[in-house]
């Protein structure tokens, strides 16, 4: 049993099984990557209601076990070679699994150095566990007088698919000391670079509209200054560090950093890196409750941006019930409330399918403004950016011209014309207020109005309630296409309870199926809103 030949055989088979089954974990590795390599977040996702990942791994384990059992018994006349014949279904079912899961990951896995390290460690962990299972099977065959045990000595390898998510977490845990050290050095380098830079630093956070306000402010300031801005949704320590380390800060007058958070203390950490001279709070709502656990924690965390901003800096913030509770944190800052009763704000907003017009209040001054951007909520977002730009030296004329020239932010209510159909791309809108605003914009358009959505995520205990409310808002639209199975039941229930017509709902399993349906349904003059079509990292 423990001869050199037997050990070599076990090692080879274990390594082969590890390489095969590791391929099945690539999508799960992509989920882990999008979860910020947080084992806890990954585990929450794994046990989320409606998540079929564990069921799929269970099915893979069952099929390989059953087929190996049948082949092992049928070819038992071959003696020890029957055990190898019993392994033949493994690559077949692994290949079928990988083909079936090819498009399951909505955001492709990025082959970073960290991902490669985790993958290699996963293969090693799988091989070690596989070797242990093979050894147990060999021991059973060696110590048993039952002849049929010999052809089935590799049968225990079928357990590996069941263990894949947990072994992936183990591989991630083993890799963390390596990436942790590298990341700390990388972030520290960016922090030191920012400390030495002469550019003015602005931090932006909030439960919604961070990316939009960041882009609007960059475009406004960009009329007369050189502005460096974190791209897309780079709002983590590594995302900010990457932006800083790859740029020559001496070439810029302003650095605008978007700051995201999922846990208490996240914004404080980002402020310690950026050390903002000024800050913007776009607003607060019950977003990311899955990790924050309570709205109070959201408010406290978003308020960390005020504590982390340098004294005498401008604190531009949306005026609401939550920001008012953070007044004490702004004692060392110059407060600039933005809203209907604030120092600045967007007043008398008029919306159409062609854009918005409003009066921009800047203290006692008012400016007539117009923009091709859609929705009253965008007027508020523009007002936040304009208030900061005004405090930093832009004139009324520059603000008016800059607002008129503002470009759409990709995937944030971005209209696209195609074959006479208007597509409202709001793919990255995943919050309560933004969703409500997008639906109101859809109602402004003529012709048939269609919404495609899988619902809203990361709302914790409020997820069912808020998705029912989302469904209620859809009443009156011409077609509702609901994607997936995780959240759409609540959306559908809310829609029907509010008086919606059941024959106007279509349930489809994926975005691809929704697009296929729309190709046959849409006609010129229609408007279709893609609301949060990236709600989950795995379909």
Protein backbone atom coordinates (compact mmCIF):
# COMPACT_ATOMS: atom_id res chain seq x y z
CA UNK A 1 0.00 0.00 0.00
CA UNK A 2 2.82 2.44 0.78
CA UNK A 3 5.28 1.27 -1.84
CA UNK A 4 7.00 3.90 -3.98
CA UNK A 5 4.88 2.82 -6.94
CA UNK A 6 1.63 3.10 -4.97
CA UNK A 7 2.58 6.52 -3.59
CA UNK A 8 3.59 7.77 -7.05
CA UNK A 9 0.28 6.53 -8.46
CA UNK A 10 -1.67 8.33 -5.74
CA UNK A 11 0.24 11.56 -6.30
CA UNK A 12 -0.31 11.50 -10.07
CA UNK A 13 -4.03 10.72 -9.79
CA UNK A 14 -4.53 13.32 -7.03
CA UNK A 15 -2.74 16.01 -9.07
CA UNK A 16 -4.72 15.14 -12.20
CA UNK A 17 -8.00 15.32 -10.27
CA UNK A 18 -6.91 18.63 -8.71
CA UNK A 19 -6.15 20.17 -12.11
CA UNK A 20 -9.50 19.04 -13.49
CA UNK A 21 -11.69 20.10 -10.57
CA UNK A 22 -9.86 23.41 -10.20
CA UNK A 23 -11.19 24.33 -13.65
CA UNK A 24 -14.70 24.07 -12.21
CA UNK A 25 -13.79 26.68 -9.59
CA UNK A 26 -12.85 29.45 -12.04
CA UNK A 27 -16.26 31.13 -11.82
CA UNK A 28 -16.25 30.86 -8.04
CA UNK A 29 -12.80 32.43 -8.11
CA UNK A 30 -14.28 35.28 -10.16
CA UNK A 31 -16.93 35.76 -7.49
CA UNK A 32 -14.24 35.83 -4.81
CA UNK A 33 -12.37 38.46 -6.81
CA UNK A 34 -15.46 40.66 -7.09
CA UNK A 35 -16.07 40.19 -3.38
CA UNK A 36 -12.72 41.85 -2.74
CA UNK A 37 -11.18 38.49 -1.76
CA UNK A 38 -13.29 38.57 1.37
CA UNK A 39 -14.00 35.01 2.50
CA UNK A 40 -16.89 36.25 4.59
CA UNK A 41 -18.54 38.08 1.69
CA UNK A 42 -17.96 35.07 -0.55
CA UNK A 43 -19.59 32.77 2.01
CA UNK A 44 -22.61 35.09 2.36
CA UNK A 45 -22.99 34.97 -1.42
CA UNK A 46 -22.62 31.18 -1.43
CA UNK A 47 -25.48 30.68 1.02
CA UNK A 48 -27.66 33.36 -0.46
CA UNK A 49 -31.24 32.32 -1.17
CA UNK A 50 -31.63 31.28 -4.79
CA UNK A 51 -27.91 30.71 -5.34
CA UNK A 52 -27.53 27.45 -7.27
CA UNK A 53 -23.74 27.13 -7.01
CA UNK A 54 -23.72 24.52 -4.24
CA UNK A 55 -26.44 22.56 -6.03
CA UNK A 56 -24.37 22.55 -9.21
CA UNK A 57 -21.29 21.27 -7.40
CA UNK A 58 -23.46 18.63 -5.70
CA UNK A 59 -24.79 17.51 -9.06
CA UNK A 60 -21.25 17.27 -10.45
CA UNK A 61 -20.19 15.16 -7.46
CA UNK A 62 -23.22 12.89 -7.82
CA UNK A 63 -22.74 12.32 -11.55
CA UNK A 64 -19.03 11.53 -11.26
CA UNK A 65 -19.64 9.23 -8.28
CA UNK A 66 -22.51 7.37 -9.95
CA UNK A 67 -20.74 6.89 -13.28
CA UNK A 68 -17.48 5.86 -11.59
CA UNK A 69 -19.38 3.38 -9.43
CA UNK A 70 -21.09 1.81 -12.44
CA UNK A 71 -17.93 1.62 -14.54
CA UNK A 72 -15.86 0.31 -11.65
CA UNK A 73 -18.30 -2.54 -11.04
CA UNK A 74 -18.83 -3.32 -14.75
CA UNK A 75 -15.10 -3.52 -15.46
CA UNK A 76 -14.14 -5.19 -12.19
CA UNK A 77 -12.88 -8.18 -14.22
CA UNK A 78 -9.88 -6.02 -15.19
CA UNK A 79 -8.59 -6.10 -11.63
CA UNK A 80 -6.71 -3.01 -10.49
CA UNK A 81 -7.08 -1.45 -13.96
CA UNK A 82 -10.81 -1.14 -13.39
CA UNK A 83 -10.08 1.71 -10.97
CA UNK A 84 -8.56 3.73 -13.84
CA UNK A 85 -11.52 2.97 -16.13
CA UNK A 86 -13.80 4.28 -13.36
CA UNK A 87 -12.00 7.65 -13.58
CA UNK A 88 -12.82 8.18 -17.27
CA UNK A 89 -16.12 10.05 -16.63
CA UNK A 90 -14.37 12.70 -14.52
CA UNK A 91 -12.86 14.73 -17.40
CA UNK A 92 -16.10 14.28 -19.37
CA UNK A 93 -18.33 15.72 -16.64
CA UNK A 94 -15.81 18.42 -15.76
CA UNK A 95 -15.80 19.48 -19.42
CA UNK A 96 -19.60 19.54 -19.55
CA UNK A 97 -19.74 21.50 -16.29
CA UNK A 98 -17.29 24.11 -17.57
CA UNK A 99 -19.23 24.48 -20.83
CA UNK A 100 -22.51 24.91 -18.98
CA UNK A 101 -20.98 27.50 -16.64
CA UNK A 102 -19.12 29.39 -19.35
CA UNK A 103 -21.34 32.49 -19.25
CA UNK A 104 -22.44 32.27 -15.61
CA UNK A 105 -19.97 34.91 -14.42
CA UNK A 106 -21.36 38.30 -15.38
CA UNK A 107 -18.10 40.21 -14.94
CA UNK A 108 -15.17 38.26 -16.42
CA UNK A 109 -12.43 36.99 -14.13
CA UNK A 110 -9.34 39.17 -14.38
CA UNK A 111 -6.12 37.18 -14.51
CA UNK A 112 -4.21 39.21 -11.95
CA UNK A 113 -1.12 37.96 -10.18
CA UNK A 114 -3.21 37.44 -7.06
CA UNK A 115 -5.76 35.32 -8.91
CA UNK A 116 -2.98 33.18 -10.34
CA UNK A 117 -1.49 32.63 -6.90
CA UNK A 118 -4.85 31.63 -5.43
CA UNK A 119 -5.46 29.27 -8.34
CA UNK A 120 -2.09 27.54 -7.91
CA UNK A 121 -2.72 27.21 -4.18
CA UNK A 122 -6.18 25.80 -4.89
CA UNK A 123 -4.66 23.12 -7.12
CA UNK A 124 -2.16 22.25 -4.38
CA UNK A 125 -4.86 22.12 -1.69
CA UNK A 126 -7.06 19.98 -3.94
CA UNK A 127 -4.14 17.66 -4.63
CA UNK A 128 -3.38 17.27 -0.92
CA UNK A 129 -7.01 16.56 -0.04
CA UNK A 130 -7.30 14.29 -3.07
CA UNK A 131 -4.21 12.36 -1.99
CA UNK A 132 -5.79 11.88 1.43
CA UNK A 133 -9.02 10.59 -0.13
CA UNK A 134 -7.09 8.22 -2.40
CA UNK A 135 -5.09 6.95 0.58
CA UNK A 136 -8.34 6.29 2.44
CA UNK A 137 -9.68 4.40 -0.59
CA UNK A 138 -6.48 2.36 -0.92
CA UNK A 139 -6.61 1.52 2.77
CA UNK A 140 -10.20 0.31 2.40
CA UNK A 141 -9.25 -1.82 -0.60
CA UNK A 142 -6.10 -3.16 1.12
CA UNK A 143 -7.85 -4.09 4.35
CA UNK A 144 -11.07 -5.47 2.88
CA UNK A 145 -11.76 -8.94 1.71
CA UNK A 146 -14.47 -7.66 -0.68
CA UNK A 147 -13.09 -7.78 -4.22
CA UNK A 148 -15.34 -4.95 -5.50
CA UNK A 149 -13.60 -2.40 -3.26
CA UNK A 150 -10.42 -2.52 -5.39
CA UNK A 151 -12.01 -1.04 -8.58
CA UNK A 152 -13.65 1.70 -6.46
CA UNK A 153 -10.56 2.86 -4.58
CA UNK A 154 -10.66 6.28 -6.31
CA UNK A 155 -14.39 6.76 -5.75
CA UNK A 156 -13.87 9.13 -2.80
CA UNK A 157 -12.41 11.72 -5.22
CA UNK A 158 -16.03 12.46 -6.18
CA UNK A 159 -16.29 14.36 -2.88
CA UNK A 160 -13.94 17.10 -4.20
CA UNK A 161 -16.64 19.13 -6.03
CA UNK A 162 -18.56 19.41 -2.74
CA UNK A 163 -15.45 20.79 -1.06
CA UNK A 164 -14.48 23.21 -3.86
CA UNK A 165 -15.95 26.44 -2.38
CA UNK A 166 -14.36 25.75 1.01
CA UNK A 167 -11.01 24.75 -0.43
CA UNK A 168 -11.08 27.94 -2.48
CA UNK A 169 -11.51 29.87 0.78
CA UNK A 170 -8.55 27.96 2.22
CA UNK A 171 -6.42 28.86 -0.83
CA UNK A 172 -7.49 32.50 -0.48
CA UNK A 173 -6.56 32.45 3.22
CA UNK A 174 -3.15 30.95 2.45
CA UNK A 175 -2.48 33.62 -0.16
CA UNK A 176 -3.52 36.61 1.96
CA UNK A 177 -0.18 37.14 3.75
CA UNK A 178 1.51 37.51 0.35
CA UNK A 179 -0.97 39.96 -1.16
CA UNK A 180 -1.44 41.73 2.18
CA UNK A 181 2.22 42.67 2.38
CA UNK A 182 2.37 43.72 -1.27
CA UNK A 183 -0.85 45.71 -1.04
CA UNK A 184 0.24 47.56 2.09
CA UNK A 185 3.43 48.65 0.40
CA UNK A 186 1.53 49.66 -2.73
CA UNK A 187 -1.01 51.73 -0.77
CA UNK A 188 1.71 53.30 1.41
CA UNK A 189 3.56 54.40 -1.72
CA UNK A 190 0.41 56.13 -2.97
CA UNK A 191 -0.19 57.73 0.44
CA UNK A 192 3.33 59.14 0.55
CA UNK A 193 2.98 60.39 -3.01
CA UNK A 194 -0.23 62.20 -2.15
CA UNK A 195 1.33 63.74 0.98
CA UNK A 196 4.07 65.32 -1.12
CA UNK A 197 1.79 66.47 -3.92
CA UNK A 198 0.68 70.07 -4.30
CA UNK A 199 -2.62 69.13 -5.97
CA UNK A 200 -5.87 69.76 -4.13
CA UNK A 201 -7.50 66.50 -3.03
CA UNK A 202 -11.26 65.95 -2.99
CA UNK A 203 -12.99 62.89 -1.56
CA UNK A 204 -16.49 61.85 -2.66
CA UNK A 205 -18.67 59.27 -0.93
CA UNK A 206 -22.33 58.40 -0.49
CA UNK A 207 -24.77 55.54 -0.92
CA UNK A 208 -25.46 56.55 -4.51
CA UNK A 209 -24.32 58.85 -7.34
CA UNK A 210 -20.64 58.85 -6.32
CA UNK A 211 -19.41 58.09 -9.82
CA UNK A 212 -21.81 60.56 -11.44
CA UNK A 213 -20.89 63.46 -9.13
CA UNK A 214 -17.21 62.61 -9.49
CA UNK A 215 -17.46 62.78 -13.28
CA UNK A 216 -19.52 65.97 -13.25
CA UNK A 217 -17.06 67.71 -10.94
CA UNK A 218 -14.11 66.58 -13.06
CA UNK A 219 -15.75 67.92 -16.21
CA UNK A 220 -16.60 71.26 -14.58
CA UNK A 221 -13.15 71.80 -13.06
CA UNK A 222 -11.55 70.52 -16.25
CA UNK A 223 -12.58 73.70 -18.06
CA UNK A 224 -9.65 75.56 -16.48
CA UNK A 225 -7.68 73.05 -14.41
CA UNK A 226 -5.85 69.77 -14.86
CA UNK A 227 -7.84 67.11 -13.02
CA UNK A 228 -6.89 63.54 -12.11
CA UNK A 229 -9.85 61.34 -11.22
CA UNK A 230 -10.17 57.72 -10.14
CA UNK A 231 -11.58 55.89 -13.20
CA UNK A 232 -14.88 54.01 -13.39
CA UNK A 233 -15.74 52.73 -9.90
CA UNK A 234 -12.19 52.56 -8.53
CA UNK A 235 -13.19 53.40 -4.96
CA UNK A 236 -11.13 51.02 -2.80
CA UNK A 237 -7.65 51.48 -1.29
CA UNK A 238 -6.06 49.52 -4.15
CA UNK A 239 -8.15 51.28 -6.79
CA UNK A 240 -7.14 54.70 -5.49
CA UNK A 241 -3.51 53.61 -5.06
CA UNK A 242 -3.40 52.33 -8.63
CA UNK A 243 -4.65 55.68 -9.95
CA UNK A 244 -2.09 57.61 -7.91
CA UNK A 245 0.91 55.36 -8.49
CA UNK A 246 0.42 55.33 -12.25
CA UNK A 247 0.15 59.13 -12.55
CA UNK A 248 2.51 62.09 -12.26
CA UNK A 249 0.68 64.16 -9.65
CA UNK A 250 2.82 67.21 -10.40
CA UNK A 251 0.92 67.58 -13.66
CA UNK A 252 -2.44 68.04 -11.93
CA UNK A 253 -4.19 70.77 -9.98
CA UNK A 254 -6.89 68.49 -8.50
CA UNK A 255 -7.20 64.85 -7.54
CA UNK A 256 -10.75 63.56 -7.12
CA UNK A 257 -11.13 60.22 -5.33
CA UNK A 258 -14.35 58.24 -5.23
CA UNK A 259 -14.65 56.43 -1.89
CA UNK A 260 -16.72 53.28 -1.50
CA UNK A 261 -17.53 51.36 1.67
CA UNK A 262 -19.08 48.11 2.81
CA UNK A 263 -18.02 48.11 6.46
CA UNK A 264 -17.63 50.61 9.28
CA UNK A 265 -14.16 52.17 9.05
CA UNK A 266 -13.75 51.83 5.28
CA UNK A 267 -14.11 55.56 4.56
CA UNK A 268 -11.78 56.43 7.45
CA UNK A 269 -9.15 54.16 5.89
CA UNK A 270 -9.54 55.82 2.48
CA UNK A 271 -9.32 59.28 4.04
CA UNK A 272 -6.05 58.31 5.75
CA UNK A 273 -4.68 57.51 2.29
CA UNK A 274 -6.06 60.48 0.35
CA UNK A 275 -6.12 63.09 3.17
CA UNK A 276 -8.76 65.16 1.34
CA UNK A 277 -8.71 68.93 1.47
CA UNK A 278 -12.44 69.01 0.64
CA UNK A 279 -15.24 66.44 0.50
CA UNK A 280 -18.67 65.69 -0.92
CA UNK A 281 -21.37 63.45 0.57
CA UNK A 282 -23.87 62.64 -2.20
CA UNK A 283 -26.53 61.19 0.08
CA UNK A 284 -27.33 58.21 2.27
CA UNK A 285 -29.85 55.39 1.92
CA UNK A 286 -30.19 51.75 2.96
CA UNK A 287 -27.56 50.37 0.59
CA UNK A 288 -25.07 47.55 1.34
CA UNK A 289 -27.04 46.54 4.42
CA UNK A 290 -25.90 43.00 3.70
CA UNK A 291 -22.49 44.00 5.08
CA UNK A 292 -23.31 47.12 7.13
CA UNK A 293 -26.16 45.32 8.98
CA UNK A 294 -27.96 48.57 9.86
CA UNK A 295 -28.71 52.00 8.45
CA UNK A 296 -27.04 53.53 11.52
CA UNK A 297 -23.77 51.90 10.50
CA UNK A 298 -24.16 53.28 6.97
CA UNK A 299 -24.67 56.80 8.31
CA UNK A 300 -21.74 56.50 10.70
CA UNK A 301 -19.43 55.20 7.99
CA UNK A 302 -20.35 57.81 5.39
CA UNK A 303 -19.84 60.46 8.06
CA UNK A 304 -16.22 59.35 8.40
CA UNK A 305 -15.41 61.47 5.36
CA UNK A 306 -16.04 64.62 7.38
CA UNK A 307 -13.77 63.51 10.21
CA UNK A 308 -11.10 62.59 7.68
CA UNK A 309 -11.11 65.89 5.76
CA UNK A 310 -8.59 68.60 6.64
CA UNK A 311 -9.67 71.55 8.75
CA UNK A 312 -11.27 74.51 6.97
CA UNK A 313 -12.04 72.45 3.89
CA UNK A 314 -15.41 72.56 2.17
CA UNK A 315 -17.93 69.90 3.15
CA UNK A 316 -20.51 69.79 0.37
CA UNK A 317 -23.37 67.49 1.26
CA UNK A 318 -26.91 66.61 0.19
CA UNK A 319 -29.31 68.05 2.71
CA UNK A 320 -31.44 65.27 4.20
CA UNK A 321 -32.35 63.71 7.54
CA UNK A 322 -29.19 61.62 7.63
CA UNK A 323 -26.66 64.35 6.87
CA UNK A 324 -28.19 66.55 9.54
CA UNK A 325 -27.25 63.97 12.19
CA UNK A 326 -23.60 64.32 11.13
CA UNK A 327 -23.38 68.04 11.88
CA UNK A 328 -20.96 67.56 14.79
CA UNK A 329 -18.43 65.87 12.52
CA UNK A 330 -18.31 69.00 10.35
CA UNK A 331 -17.39 71.46 13.07
CA UNK A 332 -13.89 71.95 11.63
CA UNK A 333 -15.15 72.29 8.05
CA UNK A 334 -16.97 74.93 6.00
CA UNK A 335 -20.46 73.50 5.53
CA UNK A 336 -22.09 73.74 2.11
CA UNK A 337 -25.53 72.10 2.31
CA UNK A 338 -27.11 71.34 -1.06
CA UNK A 339 -30.86 70.95 -1.45
CA UNK A 340 -34.12 72.83 -1.67
CA UNK A 341 -33.41 74.68 1.60
CA UNK A 342 -29.62 74.56 1.44
CA UNK A 343 -27.02 77.15 0.50
CA UNK A 344 -26.90 75.63 -2.98
CA UNK A 345 -29.32 73.48 -4.94
CA UNK A 346 -31.23 72.76 -8.13
CA UNK A 347 -34.58 74.59 -8.10
CA UNK A 348 -37.62 74.49 -10.38
CA UNK A 349 -36.37 71.38 -12.16
CA UNK A 350 -38.08 70.61 -15.45
CA UNK A 351 -37.59 67.17 -16.97
CA UNK A 352 -38.24 65.78 -20.44
CA UNK A 353 -36.95 62.97 -22.61
CA UNK A 354 -34.48 65.51 -24.05
CA UNK A 355 -32.85 66.53 -20.77
CA UNK A 356 -33.32 68.80 -17.77
CA UNK A 357 -33.55 72.54 -17.10
CA UNK A 358 -33.30 74.16 -13.68
CA UNK A 359 -32.17 77.12 -11.68
CA UNK A 360 -28.87 76.55 -9.91
CA UNK A 361 -28.87 78.34 -6.58
CA UNK A 362 -25.45 79.46 -5.32
CA UNK A 363 -26.19 81.35 -2.13
CA UNK A 364 -28.26 84.39 -3.12
CA UNK A 365 -27.34 83.97 -6.79
CA UNK A 366 -29.22 81.87 -9.29
CA UNK A 367 -28.17 80.60 -12.71
CA UNK A 368 -30.41 79.27 -15.47
CA UNK A 369 -28.97 75.88 -16.45
CA UNK A 370 -29.78 73.18 -18.96
CA UNK A 371 -28.29 69.76 -19.57
CA UNK A 372 -28.91 66.79 -21.85
CA UNK A 373 -28.66 64.54 -18.78
CA UNK A 374 -31.90 62.83 -17.79
CA UNK A 375 -33.88 62.94 -14.55
CA UNK A 376 -34.49 65.27 -11.63
CA UNK A 377 -32.01 63.28 -9.55
CA UNK A 378 -29.26 64.29 -11.99
CA UNK A 379 -30.10 67.95 -11.38
CA UNK A 380 -29.33 67.30 -7.71
CA UNK A 381 -26.10 65.50 -8.62
CA UNK A 382 -25.06 68.41 -10.84
CA UNK A 383 -25.83 70.85 -8.02
CA UNK A 384 -23.49 68.94 -5.67
CA UNK A 385 -20.65 69.07 -8.20
CA UNK A 386 -21.36 72.70 -9.11
CA UNK A 387 -21.42 73.80 -5.46
CA UNK A 388 -17.91 72.42 -4.95
CA UNK A 389 -16.66 73.86 -8.26
CA UNK A 390 -18.10 77.26 -7.35
CA UNK A 391 -16.39 77.25 -3.96
CA UNK A 392 -13.13 76.30 -5.69
CA UNK A 393 -13.22 79.30 -8.00
CA UNK A 394 -15.38 78.66 -11.06
CA UNK A 395 -17.50 81.62 -12.20
CA UNK A 396 -21.24 81.53 -12.91
CA UNK A 397 -20.54 81.68 -16.62
CA UNK A 398 -18.11 78.77 -16.43
CA UNK A 399 -20.58 76.72 -14.44
CA UNK A 400 -23.42 77.40 -16.88
CA UNK A 401 -21.28 76.49 -19.89
CA UNK A 402 -19.80 73.48 -18.14
CA UNK A 403 -23.22 72.11 -17.13
CA UNK A 404 -24.51 72.51 -20.69
CA UNK A 405 -21.53 70.49 -21.94
CA UNK A 406 -21.75 67.65 -19.39
CA UNK A 407 -21.51 64.20 -20.96
CA UNK A 408 -23.41 61.10 -19.93
CA UNK A 409 -21.71 58.85 -17.41
CA UNK A 410 -21.47 55.34 -18.93
CA UNK A 411 -24.17 52.95 -17.65
CA UNK A 412 -25.85 55.68 -15.59
CA UNK A 413 -29.06 56.49 -17.48
CA UNK A 414 -27.11 56.73 -20.71
CA UNK A 415 -29.50 56.90 -23.70
CA UNK A 416 -28.54 54.94 -26.79
CA UNK A 417 -30.49 55.05 -30.07
CA UNK A 418 -30.60 51.80 -32.04
CA UNK A 419 -32.87 51.06 -35.01
CA UNK A 420 -35.45 53.56 -33.81
CA UNK A 421 -35.47 52.17 -30.27
CA UNK A 422 -34.24 54.21 -27.30
CA UNK A 423 -32.19 52.20 -24.82
CA UNK A 424 -31.68 53.68 -21.36
CA UNK A 425 -28.55 52.02 -20.06
CA UNK A 426 -28.71 52.17 -16.28
CA UNK A 427 -26.79 48.93 -15.80
CA UNK A 428 -24.80 50.00 -12.75
CA UNK A 429 -27.70 51.52 -10.89
CA UNK A 430 -28.13 49.34 -7.81
CA UNK A 431 -29.68 51.64 -5.21
CA UNK A 432 -33.20 52.45 -4.13
CA UNK A 433 -33.29 56.13 -5.03
CA UNK A 434 -31.51 55.76 -8.35
CA UNK A 435 -33.91 53.02 -9.43
CA UNK A 436 -36.93 55.18 -8.60
CA UNK A 437 -35.43 58.08 -10.55
CA UNK A 438 -34.67 55.90 -13.58
CA UNK A 439 -38.25 54.62 -13.73
CA UNK A 440 -39.60 58.18 -13.61
CA UNK A 441 -37.29 59.08 -16.51
CA UNK A 442 -38.60 56.10 -18.50
CA UNK A 443 -42.16 57.42 -18.09
CA UNK A 444 -41.13 60.70 -19.80
CA UNK A 445 -40.56 58.97 -23.13
CA UNK A 446 -43.27 58.53 -25.77
CA UNK A 447 -44.23 55.13 -27.18
CA UNK A 448 -44.15 51.79 -25.40
CA UNK A 449 -42.07 51.63 -22.23
CA UNK A 450 -40.24 48.47 -21.22
CA UNK A 451 -38.03 47.77 -18.20
CA UNK A 452 -35.51 44.94 -17.90
CA UNK A 453 -34.34 44.28 -14.35
CA UNK A 454 -33.28 41.54 -11.96
CA UNK A 455 -34.07 43.65 -8.90
CA UNK A 456 -31.89 45.35 -6.31
CA UNK A 457 -29.23 43.66 -4.22
CA UNK A 458 -27.13 44.12 -1.09
CA UNK A 459 -30.06 45.46 0.90
CA UNK A 460 -29.84 42.88 3.66
CA UNK A 461 -33.06 42.46 5.61
CA UNK A 462 -34.73 45.10 3.44
CA UNK A 463 -34.08 43.23 0.18
CA UNK A 464 -37.54 41.64 -0.16
CA UNK A 465 -39.33 44.78 1.01
CA UNK A 466 -37.49 47.15 -1.33
CA UNK A 467 -37.83 44.82 -4.31
CA UNK A 468 -41.57 44.66 -3.69
CA UNK A 469 -41.57 48.47 -3.66
CA UNK A 470 -39.61 48.42 -6.92
CA UNK A 471 -42.25 46.14 -8.41
CA UNK A 472 -45.00 48.53 -7.36
CA UNK A 473 -43.24 51.38 -9.20
CA UNK A 474 -43.38 49.40 -12.44
CA UNK A 475 -47.19 49.43 -12.64
CA UNK A 476 -48.34 51.20 -15.80
CA UNK A 477 -45.37 50.26 -17.96
CA UNK A 478 -45.99 48.27 -21.12
CA UNK A 479 -43.65 45.35 -20.42
CA UNK A 480 -41.62 44.14 -17.44
CA UNK A 481 -38.84 41.65 -18.14
CA UNK A 482 -37.49 40.10 -14.93
CA UNK A 483 -34.12 38.35 -15.04
CA UNK A 484 -32.95 35.42 -12.94
CA UNK A 485 -34.47 33.77 -9.90
CA UNK A 486 -32.79 35.40 -6.91
CA UNK A 487 -34.90 38.53 -6.41
CA UNK A 488 -37.54 38.61 -9.11
CA UNK A 489 -40.20 36.90 -6.99
CA UNK A 490 -40.34 39.91 -4.68
CA UNK A 491 -40.44 42.31 -7.64
CA UNK A 492 -43.24 40.31 -9.25
CA UNK A 493 -45.23 40.13 -5.99
CA UNK A 494 -44.92 43.87 -5.46
CA UNK A 495 -46.00 44.57 -9.03
CA UNK A 496 -49.08 42.34 -8.84
CA UNK A 497 -50.05 43.56 -5.36
CA UNK A 498 -50.00 47.15 -6.65
CA UNK A 499 -52.42 46.30 -9.47
CA UNK A 500 -50.01 45.29 -12.21
CA UNK A 501 -51.17 43.04 -15.05
CA UNK A 502 -49.72 39.53 -14.92
CA UNK A 503 -49.65 39.15 -18.71
CA UNK A 504 -47.21 42.06 -18.98
CA UNK A 505 -44.50 40.20 -17.03
CA UNK A 506 -41.89 37.97 -18.64
CA UNK A 507 -39.51 35.89 -16.52
CA UNK A 508 -36.23 34.94 -18.19
CA UNK A 509 -33.19 33.14 -16.73
CA UNK A 510 -30.46 35.45 -18.06
CA UNK A 511 -29.71 38.81 -19.66
CA UNK A 512 -28.96 37.01 -22.93
CA UNK A 513 -32.47 35.50 -22.91
CA UNK A 514 -33.94 38.93 -22.18
CA UNK A 515 -32.10 40.41 -25.15
CA UNK A 516 -33.32 37.58 -27.37
CA UNK A 517 -36.92 38.29 -26.29
CA UNK A 518 -36.52 42.02 -26.93
CA UNK A 519 -35.24 41.41 -30.45
CA UNK A 520 -38.62 39.96 -31.34
CA UNK A 521 -40.73 42.31 -29.20
CA UNK A 522 -39.30 45.80 -29.71
CA UNK A 523 -40.31 48.10 -32.52
CA UNK A 524 -39.31 51.68 -33.53
CA UNK A 525 -40.55 54.24 -31.04
CA UNK A 526 -40.12 51.98 -28.01
CA UNK A 527 -37.99 52.86 -25.00
CA UNK A 528 -36.37 50.13 -22.91
CA UNK A 529 -34.71 50.69 -19.55
CA UNK A 530 -31.99 48.25 -18.51
CA UNK A 531 -32.15 48.76 -14.76
CA UNK A 532 -29.26 47.26 -12.81
CA UNK A 533 -28.47 44.40 -15.19
CA UNK A 534 -25.36 43.56 -13.13
CA UNK A 535 -27.03 42.88 -9.80
CA UNK A 536 -25.28 39.69 -8.91
CA UNK A 537 -21.84 38.40 -9.73
CA UNK A 538 -23.13 35.02 -10.80
CA UNK A 539 -26.32 34.07 -12.60
